[in-house]
Amino acid sequence: MSQRLCIQLLLGPYSVGFLNTMTHTIAAFRLPFCGSNIINHFFC
């Protein structure tokens, strides 16, 4: 568990998290939305 490995194990989650959310967020918000704009939730 060297400092180098710890940094890699930290940067890995940030990199994967970035690619993960970029993929499905961009794919979703490029779609056409119908007339209703009411989201059945308290956040997006």
All heavy atoms as atom14 arrays in JSON, in Angstrom:
{
  "sequence": "MSQRLCIQLLLGPYSVGFLNTMTHTIAAFRLPFCGSNIINHFFC",
  "atom14_mask": [
    [1, 1, 1, 1, 1, 1, 1, 1, 0, 0, 0, 0, 0, 0],
    [1, 1, 1, 1, 1, 1, 0, 0, 0, 0, 0, 0, 0, 0],
    [1, 1, 1, 1, 1, 1, 1, 1, 1, 0, 0, 0, 0, 0],
    [1, 1, 1, 1, 1, 1, 1, 1, 1, 1, 1, 0, 0, 0],
    [1, 1, 1, 1, 1, 1, 1, 1, 0, 0, 0, 0, 0, 0],
    [1, 1, 1, 1, 1, 1, 0, 0, 0, 0, 0, 0, 0, 0],
    [1, 1, 1, 1, 1, 1, 1, 1, 0, 0, 0, 0, 0, 0],
    [1, 1, 1, 1, 1, 1, 1, 1, 1, 0, 0, 0, 0, 0],
    [1, 1, 1, 1, 1, 1, 1, 1, 0, 0, 0, 0, 0, 0],
    [1, 1, 1, 1, 1, 1, 1, 1, 0, 0, 0, 0, 0, 0],
    [1, 1, 1, 1, 1, 1, 1, 1, 0, 0, 0, 0, 0, 0],
    [1, 1, 1, 1, 0, 0, 0, 0, 0, 0, 0, 0, 0, 0],
    [1, 1, 1, 1, 1, 1, 1, 0, 0, 0, 0, 0, 0, 0],
    [1, 1, 1, 1, 1, 1, 1, 1, 1, 1, 1, 1, 0, 0],
    [1, 1, 1, 1, 1, 1, 0, 0, 0, 0, 0, 0, 0, 0],
    [1, 1, 1, 1, 1, 1, 1, 0, 0, 0, 0, 0, 0, 0],
    [1, 1, 1, 1, 0, 0, 0, 0, 0, 0, 0, 0, 0, 0],
    [1, 1, 1, 1, 1, 1, 1, 1, 1, 1, 1, 0, 0, 0],
    [1, 1, 1, 1, 1, 1, 1, 1, 0, 0, 0, 0, 0, 0],
    [1, 1, 1, 1, 1, 1, 1, 1, 0, 0, 0, 0, 0, 0],
    [1, 1, 1, 1, 1, 1, 1, 0, 0, 0, 0, 0, 0, 0],
    [1, 1, 1, 1, 1, 1, 1, 1, 0, 0, 0, 0, 0, 0],
    [1, 1, 1, 1, 1, 1, 1, 0, 0, 0, 0, 0, 0, 0],
    [1, 1, 1, 1, 1, 1, 1, 1, 1, 1, 0, 0, 0, 0],
    [1, 1, 1, 1, 1, 1, 1, 0, 0, 0, 0, 0, 0, 0],
    [1, 1, 1, 1, 1, 1, 1, 1, 0, 0, 0, 0, 0, 0],
    [1, 1, 1, 1, 1, 0, 0, 0, 0, 0, 0, 0, 0, 0],
    [1, 1, 1, 1, 1, 0, 0, 0, 0, 0, 0, 0, 0, 0],
    [1, 1, 1, 1, 1, 1, 1, 1, 1, 1, 1, 0, 0, 0],
    [1, 1, 1, 1, 1, 1, 1, 1, 1, 1, 1, 0, 0, 0],
    [1, 1, 1, 1, 1, 1, 1, 1, 0, 0, 0, 0, 0, 0],
    [1, 1, 1, 1, 1, 1, 1, 0, 0, 0, 0, 0, 0, 0],
    [1, 1, 1, 1, 1, 1, 1, 1, 1, 1, 1, 0, 0, 0],
    [1, 1, 1, 1, 1, 1, 0, 0, 0, 0, 0, 0, 0, 0],
    [1, 1, 1, 1, 0, 0, 0, 0, 0, 0, 0, 0, 0, 0],
    [1, 1, 1, 1, 1, 1, 0, 0, 0, 0, 0, 0, 0, 0],
    [1, 1, 1, 1, 1, 1, 1, 1, 0, 0, 0, 0, 0, 0],
    [1, 1, 1, 1, 1, 1, 1, 1, 0, 0, 0, 0, 0, 0],
    [1, 1, 1, 1, 1, 1, 1, 1, 0, 0, 0, 0, 0, 0],
    [1, 1, 1, 1, 1, 1, 1, 1, 0, 0, 0, 0, 0, 0],
    [1, 1, 1, 1, 1, 1, 1, 1, 1, 1, 0, 0, 0, 0],
    [1, 1, 1, 1, 1, 1, 1, 1, 1, 1, 1, 0, 0, 0],
    [1, 1, 1, 1, 1, 1, 1, 1, 1, 1, 1, 0, 0, 0],
    [1, 1, 1, 1, 1, 1, 0, 0, 0, 0, 0, 0, 0, 0]
  ],
  "atom14_positions": [
    [[0.85, -1.2, 0.0], [0.0, 0.0, 0.0], [0.88, 1.25, 0.0], [0.84, 2.08, 0.92], [-0.93, 0.0, 1.2], [-1.96, -1.13, 1.2], [-3.01, -1.15, -0.28], [-3.89, 0.39, -0.11], [0.0, 0.0, 0.0], [0.0, 0.0, 0.0], [0.0, 0.0, 0.0], [0.0, 0.0, 0.0], [0.0, 0.0, 0.0], [0.0, 0.0, 0.0]],
    [[1.65, 1.39, -1.04], [2.53, 2.55, -1.18], [1.72, 3.8, -1.51], [0.53, 3.72, -1.86], [3.55, 2.3, -2.29], [2.89, 2.11, -3.53], [0.0, 0.0, 0.0], [0.0, 0.0, 0.0], [0.0, 0.0, 0.0], [0.0, 0.0, 0.0], [0.0, 0.0, 0.0], [0.0, 0.0, 0.0], [0.0, 0.0, 0.0], [0.0, 0.0, 0.0]],
    [[2.36, 4.94, -1.41], [1.67, 6.18, -1.73], [1.19, 6.2, -3.18], [0.1, 6.68, -3.48], [2.58, 7.37, -1.46], [1.9, 8.72, -1.66], [2.81, 9.89, -1.35], [4.02, 9.73, -1.22], [2.24, 11.08, -1.24], [0.0, 0.0, 0.0], [0.0, 0.0, 0.0], [0.0, 0.0, 0.0], [0.0, 0.0, 0.0], [0.0, 0.0, 0.0]],
    [[2.01, 5.63, -4.05], [1.65, 5.59, -5.48], [0.39, 4.75, -5.7], [-0.53, 5.17, -6.43], [2.81, 5.01, -6.27], [2.54, 4.93, -7.77], [3.73, 4.35, -8.51], [3.46, 4.24, -9.94], [4.31, 3.73, -10.82], [5.5, 3.31, -10.42], [3.98, 3.66, -12.08], [0.0, 0.0, 0.0], [0.0, 0.0, 0.0], [0.0, 0.0, 0.0]],
    [[0.31, 3.57, -5.05], [-0.86, 2.72, -5.23], [-2.1, 3.38, -4.62], [-3.19, 3.3, -5.2], [-0.62, 1.36, -4.57], [-1.79, 0.36, -4.67], [-2.11, 0.06, -6.14], [-1.47, -0.93, -3.93], [0.0, 0.0, 0.0], [0.0, 0.0, 0.0], [0.0, 0.0, 0.0], [0.0, 0.0, 0.0], [0.0, 0.0, 0.0], [0.0, 0.0, 0.0]],
    [[-1.94, 4.03, -3.49], [-3.08, 4.72, -2.85], [-3.65, 5.8, -3.78], [-4.88, 5.93, -3.9], [-2.66, 5.34, -1.52], [-2.37, 4.13, -0.21], [0.0, 0.0, 0.0], [0.0, 0.0, 0.0], [0.0, 0.0, 0.0], [0.0, 0.0, 0.0], [0.0, 0.0, 0.0], [0.0, 0.0, 0.0], [0.0, 0.0, 0.0], [0.0, 0.0, 0.0]],
    [[-2.77, 6.55, -4.42], [-3.22, 7.59, -5.35], [-3.93, 6.96, -6.55], [-4.95, 7.46, -7.02], [-2.03, 8.47, -5.8], [-1.52, 9.28, -4.6], [-2.44, 9.4, -6.94], [-0.26, 10.05, -4.87], [0.0, 0.0, 0.0], [0.0, 0.0, 0.0], [0.0, 0.0, 0.0], [0.0, 0.0, 0.0], [0.0, 0.0, 0.0], [0.0, 0.0, 0.0]],
    [[-3.39, 5.83, -7.04], [-4.04, 5.13, -8.15], [-5.42, 4.61, -7.76], [-6.38, 4.7, -8.55], [-3.15, 3.97, -8.61], [-1.88, 4.4, -9.32], [-0.95, 3.24, -9.62], [-1.09, 2.15, -9.05], [0.01, 3.46, -10.51], [0.0, 0.0, 0.0], [0.0, 0.0, 0.0], [0.0, 0.0, 0.0], [0.0, 0.0, 0.0], [0.0, 0.0, 0.0]],
    [[-5.52, 4.07, -6.54], [-6.81, 3.56, -6.06], [-7.8, 4.68, -5.76], [-9.0, 4.45, -5.62], [-6.6, 2.71, -4.79], [-5.9, 1.37, -4.99], [-5.62, 0.72, -3.64], [-6.74, 0.44, -5.86], [0.0, 0.0, 0.0], [0.0, 0.0, 0.0], [0.0, 0.0, 0.0], [0.0, 0.0, 0.0], [0.0, 0.0, 0.0], [0.0, 0.0, 0.0]],
    [[-7.29, 5.91, -5.67], [-8.16, 7.07, -5.49], [-8.56, 7.67, -6.84], [-9.74, 7.98, -7.07], [-7.45, 8.13, -4.65], [-8.2, 9.45, -4.46], [-9.46, 9.23, -3.64], [-7.3, 10.49, -3.8], [0.0, 0.0, 0.0], [0.0, 0.0, 0.0], [0.0, 0.0, 0.0], [0.0, 0.0, 0.0], [0.0, 0.0, 0.0], [0.0, 0.0, 0.0]],
    [[-7.6, 7.81, -7.75], [-7.89, 8.41, -9.05], [-8.76, 7.49, -9.91], [-9.55, 7.98, -10.74], [-6.58, 8.73, -9.79], [-5.71, 9.83, -9.18], [-4.45, 10.03, -10.0], [-6.49, 11.14, -9.07], [0.0, 0.0, 0.0], [0.0, 0.0, 0.0], [0.0, 0.0, 0.0], [0.0, 0.0, 0.0], [0.0, 0.0, 0.0], [0.0, 0.0, 0.0]],
    [[-8.63, 6.18, -9.71], [-9.46, 5.23, -10.46], [-10.95, 5.49, -10.29], [-11.68, 5.63, -11.28], [0.0, 0.0, 0.0], [0.0, 0.0, 0.0], [0.0, 0.0, 0.0], [0.0, 0.0, 0.0], [0.0, 0.0, 0.0], [0.0, 0.0, 0.0], [0.0, 0.0, 0.0], [0.0, 0.0, 0.0], [0.0, 0.0, 0.0], [0.0, 0.0, 0.0]],
    [[-11.46, 5.56, -9.05], [-12.88, 5.87, -8.85], [-13.32, 7.2, -9.46], [-14.41, 7.29, -10.02], [-13.0, 5.9, -7.32], [-11.95, 4.96, -6.84], [-10.81, 5.14, -7.79], [0.0, 0.0, 0.0], [0.0, 0.0, 0.0], [0.0, 0.0, 0.0], [0.0, 0.0, 0.0], [0.0, 0.0, 0.0], [0.0, 0.0, 0.0], [0.0, 0.0, 0.0]],
    [[-12.48, 8.23, -9.37], [-12.84, 9.52, -9.96], [-12.94, 9.42, -11.48], [-13.84, 10.0, -12.09], [-11.83, 10.59, -9.56], [-12.07, 11.19, -8.21], [-11.55, 10.61, -7.06], [-12.85, 12.33, -8.06], [-11.79, 11.15, -5.8], [-13.1, 12.88, -6.8], [-12.56, 12.28, -5.69], [-12.81, 12.81, -4.43], [0.0, 0.0, 0.0], [0.0, 0.0, 0.0]],
    [[-12.01, 8.68, -12.09], [-12.02, 8.53, -13.55], [-13.22, 7.73, -14.02], [-13.93, 8.13, -14.97], [-10.73, 7.83, -14.02], [-9.59, 8.56, -13.61], [0.0, 0.0, 0.0], [0.0, 0.0, 0.0], [0.0, 0.0, 0.0], [0.0, 0.0, 0.0], [0.0, 0.0, 0.0], [0.0, 0.0, 0.0], [0.0, 0.0, 0.0], [0.0, 0.0, 0.0]],
    [[-13.47, 6.61, -13.36], [-14.62, 5.78, -13.74], [-15.93, 6.52, -13.48], [-16.87, 6.45, -14.28], [-14.6, 4.44, -12.96], [-15.86, 3.64, -13.23], [-13.37, 3.63, -13.35], [0.0, 0.0, 0.0], [0.0, 0.0, 0.0], [0.0, 0.0, 0.0], [0.0, 0.0, 0.0], [0.0, 0.0, 0.0], [0.0, 0.0, 0.0], [0.0, 0.0, 0.0]],
    [[-16.0, 7.25, -12.35], [-17.2, 8.02, -12.05], [-17.48, 9.06, -13.11], [-18.64, 9.27, -13.5], [0.0, 0.0, 0.0], [0.0, 0.0, 0.0], [0.0, 0.0, 0.0], [0.0, 0.0, 0.0], [0.0, 0.0, 0.0], [0.0, 0.0, 0.0], [0.0, 0.0, 0.0], [0.0, 0.0, 0.0], [0.0, 0.0, 0.0], [0.0, 0.0, 0.0]],
    [[-16.43, 9.71, -13.61], [-16.58, 10.72, -14.65], [-17.12, 10.08, -15.94], [-18.08, 10.58, -16.54], [-15.23, 11.38, -14.92], [-15.25, 12.39, -16.03], [-15.69, 13.69, -15.81], [-14.84, 12.04, -17.32], [-15.73, 14.62, -16.84], [-14.86, 12.96, -18.35], [-15.31, 14.26, -18.1], [0.0, 0.0, 0.0], [0.0, 0.0, 0.0], [0.0, 0.0, 0.0]],
    [[-16.52, 8.97, -16.37], [-16.96, 8.31, -17.6], [-18.37, 7.74, -17.44], [-19.18, 7.81, -18.37], [-15.98, 7.18, -17.94], [-14.56, 7.61, -18.33], [-13.66, 6.4, -18.51], [-14.58, 8.44, -19.61], [0.0, 0.0, 0.0], [0.0, 0.0, 0.0], [0.0, 0.0, 0.0], [0.0, 0.0, 0.0], [0.0, 0.0, 0.0], [0.0, 0.0, 0.0]],
    [[-18.66, 7.22, -16.26], [-19.97, 6.63, -15.98], [-21.08, 7.66, -16.13], [-22.06, 7.46, -16.86], [-19.97, 6.05, -14.56], [-21.36, 5.73, -14.07], [-22.03, 4.85, -14.57], [-21.81, 6.46, -13.05], [0.0, 0.0, 0.0], [0.0, 0.0, 0.0], [0.0, 0.0, 0.0], [0.0, 0.0, 0.0], [0.0, 0.0, 0.0], [0.0, 0.0, 0.0]],
    [[-20.93, 8.78, -15.47], [-22.01, 9.78, -15.48], [-22.07, 10.54, -16.81], [-23.15, 10.93, -17.25], [-21.84, 10.75, -14.29], [-23.03, 11.51, -14.12], [-20.66, 11.7, -14.49], [0.0, 0.0, 0.0], [0.0, 0.0, 0.0], [0.0, 0.0, 0.0], [0.0, 0.0, 0.0], [0.0, 0.0, 0.0], [0.0, 0.0, 0.0], [0.0, 0.0, 0.0]],
    [[-20.93, 10.73, -17.47], [-20.94, 11.38, -18.78], [-21.74, 10.56, -19.79], [-22.5, 11.1, -20.59], [-19.5, 11.57, -19.29], [-18.76, 12.73, -18.67], [-19.43, 14.34, -19.14], [-18.91, 14.44, -20.83], [0.0, 0.0, 0.0], [0.0, 0.0, 0.0], [0.0, 0.0, 0.0], [0.0, 0.0, 0.0], [0.0, 0.0, 0.0], [0.0, 0.0, 0.0]],
    [[-21.59, 9.24, -19.7], [-22.22, 8.35, -20.68], [-23.74, 8.45, -20.64], [-24.38, 8.79, -21.64], [-21.79, 6.89, -20.43], [-20.36, 6.8, -20.5], [-22.41, 5.97, -21.45], [0.0, 0.0, 0.0], [0.0, 0.0, 0.0], [0.0, 0.0, 0.0], [0.0, 0.0, 0.0], [0.0, 0.0, 0.0], [0.0, 0.0, 0.0], [0.0, 0.0, 0.0]],
    [[-24.33, 8.16, -19.48], [-25.79, 8.11, -19.47], [-26.46, 9.47, -19.29], [-27.62, 9.64, -19.69], [-26.32, 7.09, -18.45], [-25.91, 7.36, -17.04], [-26.43, 8.38, -16.3], [-25.06, 6.7, -16.21], [-25.93, 8.33, -15.08], [-25.08, 7.35, -14.99], [0.0, 0.0, 0.0], [0.0, 0.0, 0.0], [0.0, 0.0, 0.0], [0.0, 0.0, 0.0]],
    [[-25.75, 10.47, -18.73], [-26.36, 11.79, -18.6], [-26.5, 12.46, -19.96], [-27.55, 13.01, -20.31], [-25.54, 12.68, -17.65], [-25.46, 12.07, -16.36], [-26.18, 14.06, -17.5], [0.0, 0.0, 0.0], [0.0, 0.0, 0.0], [0.0, 0.0, 0.0], [0.0, 0.0, 0.0], [0.0, 0.0, 0.0], [0.0, 0.0, 0.0], [0.0, 0.0, 0.0]],
    [[-25.42, 12.45, -20.75], [-25.48, 13.04, -22.1], [-26.48, 12.31, -22.97], [-27.27, 12.92, -23.7], [-24.08, 13.03, -22.75], [-23.16, 14.02, -22.02], [-24.17, 13.39, -24.23], [-21.73, 14.03, -22.53], [0.0, 0.0, 0.0], [0.0, 0.0, 0.0], [0.0, 0.0, 0.0], [0.0, 0.0, 0.0], [0.0, 0.0, 0.0], [0.0, 0.0, 0.0]],
    [[-26.48, 10.98, -22.87], [-27.42, 10.19, -23.68], [-28.87, 10.52, -23.34], [-29.73, 10.57, -24.22], [-27.15, 8.69, -23.47], [0.0, 0.0, 0.0], [0.0, 0.0, 0.0], [0.0, 0.0, 0.0], [0.0, 0.0, 0.0], [0.0, 0.0, 0.0], [0.0, 0.0, 0.0], [0.0, 0.0, 0.0], [0.0, 0.0, 0.0], [0.0, 0.0, 0.0]],
    [[-29.15, 10.78, -22.06], [-30.53, 11.05, -21.63], [-30.98, 12.45, -22.01], [-32.09, 12.64, -22.53], [-30.66, 10.85, -20.13], [0.0, 0.0, 0.0], [0.0, 0.0, 0.0], [0.0, 0.0, 0.0], [0.0, 0.0, 0.0], [0.0, 0.0, 0.0], [0.0, 0.0, 0.0], [0.0, 0.0, 0.0], [0.0, 0.0, 0.0], [0.0, 0.0, 0.0]],
    [[-30.14, 13.45, -21.8], [-30.57, 14.84, -21.99], [-30.5, 15.29, -23.45], [-30.88, 16.42, -23.75], [-29.77, 15.77, -21.08], [-30.25, 15.77, -19.66], [-29.76, 14.84, -18.76], [-31.23, 16.64, -19.24], [-30.21, 14.81, -17.44], [-31.7, 16.62, -17.94], [-31.19, 15.7, -17.04], [0.0, 0.0, 0.0], [0.0, 0.0, 0.0], [0.0, 0.0, 0.0]],
    [[-30.06, 14.42, -24.35], [-30.13, 14.72, -25.78], [-31.42, 14.21, -26.39], [-31.72, 14.49, -27.55], [-28.93, 14.1, -26.5], [-27.6, 14.74, -26.13], [-26.46, 14.13, -26.9], [-26.56, 14.41, -28.33], [-25.71, 13.94, -29.25], [-24.69, 13.17, -28.88], [-25.87, 14.23, -30.51], [0.0, 0.0, 0.0], [0.0, 0.0, 0.0], [0.0, 0.0, 0.0]],
    [[-32.22, 13.48, -25.61], [-33.47, 12.92, -26.12], [-34.56, 14.0, -26.14], [-34.5, 14.97, -25.39], [-33.91, 11.76, -25.24], [-33.04, 10.5, -25.29], [-33.47, 9.53, -24.2], [-33.12, 9.83, -26.65], [0.0, 0.0, 0.0], [0.0, 0.0, 0.0], [0.0, 0.0, 0.0], [0.0, 0.0, 0.0], [0.0, 0.0, 0.0], [0.0, 0.0, 0.0]],
    [[-35.59, 13.83, -26.98], [-36.72, 14.79, -27.0], [-37.66, 14.55, -25.83], [-38.02, 13.41, -25.53], [-37.41, 14.47, -28.33], [-37.08, 13.04, -28.59], [-35.71, 12.81, -28.05], [0.0, 0.0, 0.0], [0.0, 0.0, 0.0], [0.0, 0.0, 0.0], [0.0, 0.0, 0.0], [0.0, 0.0, 0.0], [0.0, 0.0, 0.0], [0.0, 0.0, 0.0]],
    [[-38.04, 15.63, -25.14], [-38.97, 15.53, -24.02], [-40.37, 15.94, -24.48], [-40.53, 16.86, -25.27], [-38.51, 16.42, -22.86], [-37.3, 15.89, -22.16], [-36.02, 16.21, -22.6], [-37.43, 15.05, -21.06], [-34.9, 15.71, -21.97], [-36.31, 14.55, -20.41], [-35.04, 14.88, -20.86], [0.0, 0.0, 0.0], [0.0, 0.0, 0.0], [0.0, 0.0, 0.0]],
    [[-41.38, 15.26, -23.93], [-42.76, 15.57, -24.29], [-43.23, 16.83, -23.57], [-42.47, 17.47, -22.86], [-43.66, 14.39, -23.94], [-43.18, 12.86, -24.78], [0.0, 0.0, 0.0], [0.0, 0.0, 0.0], [0.0, 0.0, 0.0], [0.0, 0.0, 0.0], [0.0, 0.0, 0.0], [0.0, 0.0, 0.0], [0.0, 0.0, 0.0], [0.0, 0.0, 0.0]],
    [[-44.51, 17.16, -23.73], [-45.03, 18.39, -23.15], [-44.91, 18.48, -21.64], [-44.68, 19.55, -21.1], [0.0, 0.0, 0.0], [0.0, 0.0, 0.0], [0.0, 0.0, 0.0], [0.0, 0.0, 0.0], [0.0, 0.0, 0.0], [0.0, 0.0, 0.0], [0.0, 0.0, 0.0], [0.0, 0.0, 0.0], [0.0, 0.0, 0.0], [0.0, 0.0, 0.0]],
    [[-45.08, 17.37, -20.95], [-45.01, 17.39, -19.48], [-43.58, 17.62, -19.02], [-42.63, 17.03, -19.54], [-45.53, 16.07, -18.91], [-45.37, 16.05, -17.51], [0.0, 0.0, 0.0], [0.0, 0.0, 0.0], [0.0, 0.0, 0.0], [0.0, 0.0, 0.0], [0.0, 0.0, 0.0], [0.0, 0.0, 0.0], [0.0, 0.0, 0.0], [0.0, 0.0, 0.0]],
    [[-43.42, 18.49, -18.04], [-42.09, 18.75, -17.46], [-42.08, 18.46, -15.96], [-41.24, 18.96, -15.23], [-41.67, 20.19, -17.71], [-42.56, 21.19, -17.0], [-43.7, 20.87, -16.64], [-42.05, 22.39, -16.79], [0.0, 0.0, 0.0], [0.0, 0.0, 0.0], [0.0, 0.0, 0.0], [0.0, 0.0, 0.0], [0.0, 0.0, 0.0], [0.0, 0.0, 0.0]],
    [[-43.05, 17.66, -15.5], [-43.17, 17.35, -14.07], [-42.39, 16.07, -13.75], [-42.68, 14.99, -14.29], [-44.65, 17.19, -13.66], [-45.39, 18.5, -13.91], [-44.77, 16.78, -12.21], [-46.88, 18.42, -13.68], [0.0, 0.0, 0.0], [0.0, 0.0, 0.0], [0.0, 0.0, 0.0], [0.0, 0.0, 0.0], [0.0, 0.0, 0.0], [0.0, 0.0, 0.0]],
    [[-41.4, 16.2, -12.88], [-40.58, 15.06, -12.46], [-41.12, 14.52, -11.16], [-41.22, 15.23, -10.15], [-39.1, 15.49, -12.28], [-38.5, 15.92, -13.62], [-38.29, 14.35, -11.68], [-37.06, 16.39, -13.51], [0.0, 0.0, 0.0], [0.0, 0.0, 0.0], [0.0, 0.0, 0.0], [0.0, 0.0, 0.0], [0.0, 0.0, 0.0], [0.0, 0.0, 0.0]],
    [[-41.5, 13.25, -11.17], [-42.05, 12.61, -9.98], [-40.92, 12.2, -9.02], [-40.63, 11.03, -8.81], [-42.87, 11.38, -10.39], [-43.55, 10.73, -9.19], [-43.72, 11.35, -8.14], [-43.94, 9.48, -9.35], [0.0, 0.0, 0.0], [0.0, 0.0, 0.0], [0.0, 0.0, 0.0], [0.0, 0.0, 0.0], [0.0, 0.0, 0.0], [0.0, 0.0, 0.0]],
    [[-40.28, 13.23, -8.47], [-39.16, 13.0, -7.55], [-38.85, 14.32, -6.85], [-39.48, 15.34, -7.13], [-37.93, 12.51, -8.31], [-37.13, 11.46, -7.57], [-36.68, 11.66, -6.29], [-36.7, 10.23, -7.93], [-36.01, 10.59, -5.89], [-36.01, 9.7, -6.87], [0.0, 0.0, 0.0], [0.0, 0.0, 0.0], [0.0, 0.0, 0.0], [0.0, 0.0, 0.0]],
    [[-37.86, 14.29, -5.93], [-37.44, 15.53, -5.29], [-36.07, 15.98, -5.79], [-35.53, 16.98, -5.34], [-37.42, 15.39, -3.76], [-36.52, 14.28, -3.24], [-35.2, 14.53, -2.93], [-37.03, 13.0, -3.06], [-34.38, 13.53, -2.45], [-36.22, 11.99, -2.58], [-34.89, 12.25, -2.27], [0.0, 0.0, 0.0], [0.0, 0.0, 0.0], [0.0, 0.0, 0.0]],
    [[-35.48, 15.23, -6.75], [-34.26, 15.65, -7.43], [-34.22, 14.97, -8.79], [-35.06, 14.12, -9.11], [-33.01, 15.34, -6.6], [-32.63, 13.87, -6.56], [-31.64, 13.37, -7.39], [-33.26, 13.0, -5.67], [-31.29, 12.04, -7.34], [-32.9, 11.67, -5.62], [-31.92, 11.18, -6.46], [0.0, 0.0, 0.0], [0.0, 0.0, 0.0], [0.0, 0.0, 0.0]],
    [[-33.24, 15.35, -9.61], [-33.17, 14.85, -10.99], [-32.47, 13.49, -11.04], [-31.28, 13.39, -11.35], [-32.43, 15.86, -11.87], [-33.38, 17.36, -12.17], [0.0, 0.0, 0.0], [0.0, 0.0, 0.0], [0.0, 0.0, 0.0], [0.0, 0.0, 0.0], [0.0, 0.0, 0.0], [0.0, 0.0, 0.0], [0.0, 0.0, 0.0], [0.0, 0.0, 0.0]]
  ]
}
